[in-house]
C-alpha cells in the first residue's frame, strides 16, 4: 500500500471523523491485496472534490490518482454507505435532543440546479425558476437531517414526486412518519392521495396574504436551511454529473459529512 506524506488540506477528514466512518467505508479488509491506496486518503480526495467543486482530473498530485478516488466513490455510492451514515447519525442526534430515534414528521421541498454540458442531456426546464437543469427533491426531519432524496429533470412537478418520496421516507424511518409539511406547490388531490397511500398526511404551510418580502415560514424554513447547508459543497452548486445517481450520491455524501460534523461533540461524550 502506497503512503505519501503530504501537507494536510482543510478538507481532510479528522481523526475523530475517520474513527466513526471507517467501518462504513471498508467494503473489504484493509489489507486486501487489491488495495493500493489508503482508504482515508481516498476519502480525503473525495472530500476535496466535493468541497472545492473540482473536476476529477484536477485532483492534486499529492492525493491518490483521480481514477482510484472515482472508482472507490462509485463503489461507496452503490453500496449506500453515505445513506447509512446519515441514517445512524440522524438517530444519534435525535436521541441526544430527547426525541424519538425515528421521526414522526417530515418536510418536503425541492431545488433546481443549473445544468452543465455534462448533465444537459437529461436536463429539463423549470419555468418557475427560469432555469434549465435538474431538480433535487428532498425530505428532511424537523432537525433538517436527510430522510429521502431523488433527482428528476427540472420540469418535473413537485406534486408528482410525493409518492416516491413518501415511500422512501417510510423505508428510511420504519413507517414512523405520519405528517409532512409542504409548500403550496404540493396542493391537490393527487399528491394528498399519494402521501396517504403510505400513511402520511400532507399539511400545506401557506404564506400570510398581508406579508411582503421575505418571510420565515413555520416548518418550511428547516428544509431551506438544509439546502443552504449543502451549498457549502461547491460540487453541488450546479449539476456537473453525467448520471443522475451520481448527483444523488454527492448529496448523500454532503448530508453525511454535515451530520458527522454536528454529531461529533455528541459522540465524544457517549
Protein backbone atom coordinates (compact mmCIF):
# COMPACT_ATOMS: atom_id res chain seq x y z
CA UNK A 1 0.00 0.00 0.00
CA UNK A 2 1.43 3.35 -1.02
CA UNK A 3 1.92 6.05 1.60
CA UNK A 4 2.93 9.54 0.55
CA UNK A 5 3.39 12.16 3.23
CA UNK A 6 1.80 15.46 2.35
CA UNK A 7 0.71 18.72 3.92
CA UNK A 8 -2.84 18.41 5.31
CA UNK A 9 -5.71 20.09 3.48
CA UNK A 10 -8.63 21.94 5.08
CA UNK A 11 -10.94 19.35 3.57
CA UNK A 12 -9.11 16.35 5.10
CA UNK A 13 -11.00 14.04 7.41
CA UNK A 14 -10.11 14.44 11.09
CA UNK A 15 -9.04 11.55 13.32
CA UNK A 16 -12.40 11.57 15.13
CA UNK A 17 -14.35 11.65 11.86
CA UNK A 18 -12.29 8.80 10.43
CA UNK A 19 -12.77 6.68 13.55
CA UNK A 20 -16.53 6.87 13.01
CA UNK A 21 -16.80 6.47 9.23
CA UNK A 22 -14.08 3.86 8.65
CA UNK A 23 -16.32 0.84 9.47
CA UNK A 24 -18.88 2.06 6.93
CA UNK A 25 -16.34 2.62 4.16
CA UNK A 26 -14.33 -0.58 4.50
CA UNK A 27 -16.11 -2.73 1.94
CA UNK A 28 -13.23 -5.22 2.04
CA UNK A 29 -10.44 -5.75 4.53
CA UNK A 30 -7.87 -3.00 4.99
CA UNK A 31 -5.03 -5.34 3.97
CA UNK A 32 -6.77 -6.68 0.85
CA UNK A 33 -4.19 -7.27 -1.92
CA UNK A 34 -6.22 -5.25 -4.43
CA UNK A 35 -5.81 -2.07 -2.36
CA UNK A 36 -3.04 0.28 -3.47
CA UNK A 37 -4.08 3.46 -1.63
CA UNK A 38 -5.18 4.10 1.93
CA UNK A 39 -8.94 4.42 2.28
CA UNK A 40 -8.51 7.53 4.39
CA UNK A 41 -6.60 9.22 1.57
CA UNK A 42 -9.28 8.13 -0.89
CA UNK A 43 -11.89 9.81 1.30
CA UNK A 44 -9.71 12.91 1.55
CA UNK A 45 -9.62 13.04 -2.24
CA UNK A 46 -13.40 12.71 -2.46
CA UNK A 47 -13.94 15.45 0.13
CA UNK A 48 -11.53 17.68 -1.79
CA UNK A 49 -13.61 17.23 -4.95
CA UNK A 50 -16.94 17.72 -3.17
CA UNK A 51 -15.98 20.78 -1.15
CA UNK A 52 -13.93 22.50 -3.87
CA UNK A 53 -16.12 21.60 -6.84
CA UNK A 54 -13.18 20.46 -8.94
CA UNK A 55 -13.19 18.15 -11.93
CA UNK A 56 -11.93 14.64 -11.22
CA UNK A 57 -8.91 15.10 -13.45
CA UNK A 58 -7.79 18.15 -11.45
CA UNK A 59 -7.08 16.04 -8.36
CA UNK A 60 -3.83 17.31 -6.76
CA UNK A 61 -0.80 15.10 -7.30
CA UNK A 62 -0.25 14.54 -3.58
CA UNK A 63 -3.64 12.81 -3.28
CA UNK A 64 -4.39 9.38 -4.80
CA UNK A 65 -4.93 9.32 -8.58
CA UNK A 66 -8.35 10.60 -9.59
CA UNK A 67 -9.22 7.24 -11.20
CA UNK A 68 -8.76 5.46 -7.87
CA UNK A 69 -10.85 8.02 -5.99
CA UNK A 70 -13.56 7.98 -8.66
CA UNK A 71 -13.81 4.19 -8.77
CA UNK A 72 -13.97 3.86 -4.99
CA UNK A 73 -16.55 6.65 -4.81
CA UNK A 74 -18.79 4.77 -7.23
CA UNK A 75 -18.45 1.66 -5.06
CA UNK A 76 -19.36 3.60 -1.93
CA UNK A 77 -22.35 5.20 -3.60
CA UNK A 78 -23.58 1.89 -5.00
CA UNK A 79 -23.28 0.30 -1.54
CA UNK A 80 -25.26 3.14 0.07
CA UNK A 81 -22.62 3.82 2.74
CA UNK A 82 -23.27 7.57 2.92
CA UNK A 83 -27.01 6.98 3.30
CA UNK A 84 -26.23 4.55 6.14
CA UNK A 85 -24.08 7.17 7.87
CA UNK A 86 -26.86 9.73 7.57
CA UNK A 87 -29.39 7.28 9.00
CA UNK A 88 -27.33 6.36 12.06
CA UNK A 89 -26.22 9.91 12.83
CA UNK A 90 -29.79 11.17 12.47
CA UNK A 91 -30.88 8.77 15.19
CA UNK A 92 -27.95 9.75 17.43
CA UNK A 93 -28.75 13.46 17.17
CA UNK A 94 -32.46 12.95 17.73
CA UNK A 95 -31.95 10.82 20.84
CA UNK A 96 -29.38 13.32 22.17
CA UNK A 97 -32.06 16.03 21.97
CA UNK A 98 -34.60 13.94 23.83
CA UNK A 99 -36.56 12.93 20.75
CA UNK A 100 -37.55 9.53 19.45
CA UNK A 101 -34.92 7.96 17.21
CA UNK A 102 -37.44 7.70 14.36
CA UNK A 103 -39.25 10.93 13.39
CA UNK A 104 -43.00 11.28 13.03
CA UNK A 105 -42.91 14.41 10.84
CA UNK A 106 -41.04 15.41 7.69
CA UNK A 107 -40.66 18.47 5.47
CA UNK A 108 -40.64 18.17 1.67
CA UNK A 109 -39.24 20.60 -0.87
CA UNK A 110 -37.08 20.82 -3.99
CA UNK A 111 -34.33 22.93 -5.50
CA UNK A 112 -33.30 23.34 -9.13
CA UNK A 113 -29.64 23.05 -10.14
CA UNK A 114 -28.42 24.67 -13.34
CA UNK A 115 -27.34 22.15 -15.94
CA UNK A 116 -23.85 21.93 -17.46
CA UNK A 117 -22.58 20.34 -20.68
CA UNK A 118 -22.13 17.09 -18.74
CA UNK A 119 -25.72 16.95 -17.45
CA UNK A 120 -27.50 18.76 -20.29
CA UNK A 121 -28.69 15.59 -21.98
CA UNK A 122 -31.04 14.77 -19.09
CA UNK A 123 -31.91 18.36 -18.11
CA UNK A 124 -35.36 19.92 -18.14
CA UNK A 125 -36.63 23.49 -17.97
CA UNK A 126 -38.06 24.87 -14.73
CA UNK A 127 -40.46 27.59 -15.82
CA UNK A 128 -40.90 28.98 -12.31
CA UNK A 129 -37.15 29.37 -11.76
CA UNK A 130 -36.44 30.09 -15.45
CA UNK A 131 -33.61 27.65 -15.31
CA UNK A 132 -32.59 24.58 -17.31
CA UNK A 133 -31.25 21.78 -15.20
CA UNK A 134 -32.16 19.10 -12.67
CA UNK A 135 -34.48 19.24 -9.69
CA UNK A 136 -33.43 17.73 -6.37
CA UNK A 137 -36.43 16.56 -4.34
CA UNK A 138 -35.67 16.26 -0.63
CA UNK A 139 -37.39 15.15 2.56
CA UNK A 140 -35.85 16.02 5.93
CA UNK A 141 -36.91 15.58 9.53
CA UNK A 142 -37.67 18.52 11.81
CA UNK A 143 -33.97 18.85 12.64
CA UNK A 144 -33.10 19.20 8.96
CA UNK A 145 -31.47 15.79 8.65
CA UNK A 146 -31.96 13.90 5.38
CA UNK A 147 -34.68 11.27 5.14
CA UNK A 148 -35.06 10.79 1.39
CA UNK A 149 -33.83 12.30 -1.85
CA UNK A 150 -34.10 11.80 -5.58
CA UNK A 151 -33.36 13.75 -8.76
CA UNK A 152 -35.55 14.47 -11.79
CA UNK A 153 -35.36 16.80 -14.80
CA UNK A 154 -36.23 20.34 -13.76
CA UNK A 155 -39.62 20.34 -15.49
CA UNK A 156 -40.94 17.59 -13.18
CA UNK A 157 -43.70 18.86 -10.90
CA UNK A 158 -43.10 18.65 -7.15
CA UNK A 159 -46.55 17.21 -6.55
CA UNK A 160 -45.77 14.27 -8.83
CA UNK A 161 -42.83 13.21 -6.64
CA UNK A 162 -44.78 12.87 -3.40
CA UNK A 163 -45.44 9.16 -3.78
CA UNK A 164 -41.79 8.26 -4.36
CA UNK A 165 -40.61 10.49 -1.52
CA UNK A 166 -43.26 9.18 0.88
CA UNK A 167 -42.31 5.59 0.15
CA UNK A 168 -38.61 6.35 0.64
CA UNK A 169 -39.34 8.19 3.89
CA UNK A 170 -41.18 5.23 5.35
CA UNK A 171 -38.42 2.83 4.31
CA UNK A 172 -35.82 5.06 6.00
CA UNK A 173 -37.82 5.51 9.21
CA UNK A 174 -39.59 2.17 9.58
CA UNK A 175 -43.04 3.57 8.80
CA UNK A 176 -42.88 6.12 11.63
CA UNK A 177 -43.73 9.33 9.74
CA UNK A 178 -47.40 10.36 9.78
CA UNK A 179 -47.21 14.07 8.81
CA UNK A 180 -45.33 16.01 6.12
CA UNK A 181 -45.16 19.79 5.82
CA UNK A 182 -45.08 21.16 2.26
CA UNK A 183 -45.48 24.41 0.34
CA UNK A 184 -48.34 25.31 -1.98
CA UNK A 185 -46.71 23.56 -4.91
CA UNK A 186 -47.85 20.27 -3.38
CA UNK A 187 -51.56 21.12 -3.25
CA UNK A 188 -54.11 18.89 -4.92
CA UNK A 189 -55.89 15.59 -4.58
CA UNK A 190 -53.20 13.55 -6.35
CA UNK A 191 -50.27 14.37 -4.01
CA UNK A 192 -52.56 14.08 -0.97
CA UNK A 193 -53.64 10.61 -2.08
CA UNK A 194 -50.07 9.59 -2.94
CA UNK A 195 -48.89 10.52 0.55
CA UNK A 196 -51.91 8.92 2.22
CA UNK A 197 -51.16 5.64 0.44
CA UNK A 198 -48.01 5.49 2.57
CA UNK A 199 -49.68 6.63 5.78
CA UNK A 200 -48.61 10.29 5.58
CA UNK A 201 -50.84 13.35 5.82
CA UNK A 202 -49.75 16.44 3.89
CA UNK A 203 -50.04 19.82 5.60
CA UNK A 204 -49.60 22.87 3.36
CA UNK A 205 -47.82 25.75 5.07
CA UNK A 206 -49.19 28.92 3.46
CA UNK A 207 -47.64 32.35 3.25
CA UNK A 208 -49.65 35.09 5.03
CA UNK A 209 -51.53 37.19 2.46
CA UNK A 210 -50.76 40.51 4.14
CA UNK A 211 -46.99 39.96 4.24
CA UNK A 212 -44.50 41.29 1.70
CA UNK A 213 -40.89 40.34 1.13
CA UNK A 214 -39.03 37.53 2.88
CA UNK A 215 -40.99 35.57 5.47
CA UNK A 216 -39.67 32.82 7.74
CA UNK A 217 -42.43 30.26 7.40
CA UNK A 218 -43.06 27.71 10.15
CA UNK A 219 -41.54 24.29 9.49
CA UNK A 220 -40.62 25.09 5.89
CA UNK A 221 -37.54 27.07 6.90
CA UNK A 222 -35.95 23.83 8.12
CA UNK A 223 -35.60 22.30 4.67
CA UNK A 224 -34.45 25.63 3.23
CA UNK A 225 -31.69 25.62 5.83
CA UNK A 226 -30.74 22.11 4.75
CA UNK A 227 -30.37 23.31 1.17
CA UNK A 228 -28.19 26.15 2.46
CA UNK A 229 -26.01 23.61 4.27
CA UNK A 230 -25.40 21.70 1.04
CA UNK A 231 -24.38 24.97 -0.67
CA UNK A 232 -21.10 24.67 1.24
CA UNK A 233 -20.19 21.92 -1.22
CA UNK A 234 -19.30 23.57 -4.49
CA UNK A 235 -19.71 20.32 -6.38
CA UNK A 236 -23.45 20.81 -5.72
CA UNK A 237 -23.58 24.41 -6.96
CA UNK A 238 -24.62 23.08 -10.37
CA UNK A 239 -25.38 19.69 -11.85
CA UNK A 240 -21.96 18.56 -13.05
CA UNK A 241 -22.79 14.86 -13.24
CA UNK A 242 -23.46 12.82 -16.34
CA UNK A 243 -25.56 10.34 -14.35
CA UNK A 244 -28.46 11.23 -12.07
CA UNK A 245 -27.47 8.68 -9.42
CA UNK A 246 -24.06 10.34 -9.04
CA UNK A 247 -25.72 13.67 -8.25
CA UNK A 248 -27.87 11.90 -5.68
CA UNK A 249 -24.77 10.25 -4.25
CA UNK A 250 -22.96 13.57 -3.84
CA UNK A 251 -25.97 14.92 -1.91
CA UNK A 252 -25.89 11.85 0.34
CA UNK A 253 -22.17 12.49 0.88
CA UNK A 254 -22.80 16.14 1.75
CA UNK A 255 -25.52 15.33 4.25
CA UNK A 256 -23.34 12.60 5.78
CA UNK A 257 -20.38 14.95 6.26
CA UNK A 258 -22.59 17.72 7.65
CA UNK A 259 -24.27 15.33 10.08
CA UNK A 260 -20.89 13.97 11.14
CA UNK A 261 -19.61 17.45 11.90
CA UNK A 262 -22.67 18.19 14.03
CA UNK A 263 -22.70 14.83 15.80
CA UNK A 264 -19.01 14.64 16.75
CA UNK A 265 -19.44 16.57 20.03
CA UNK A 266 -22.34 14.26 20.92
CA UNK A 267 -20.38 11.12 20.06
CA UNK A 268 -17.46 12.33 22.16
CA UNK A 269 -19.50 12.11 25.37
CA UNK A 270 -21.29 8.83 24.64
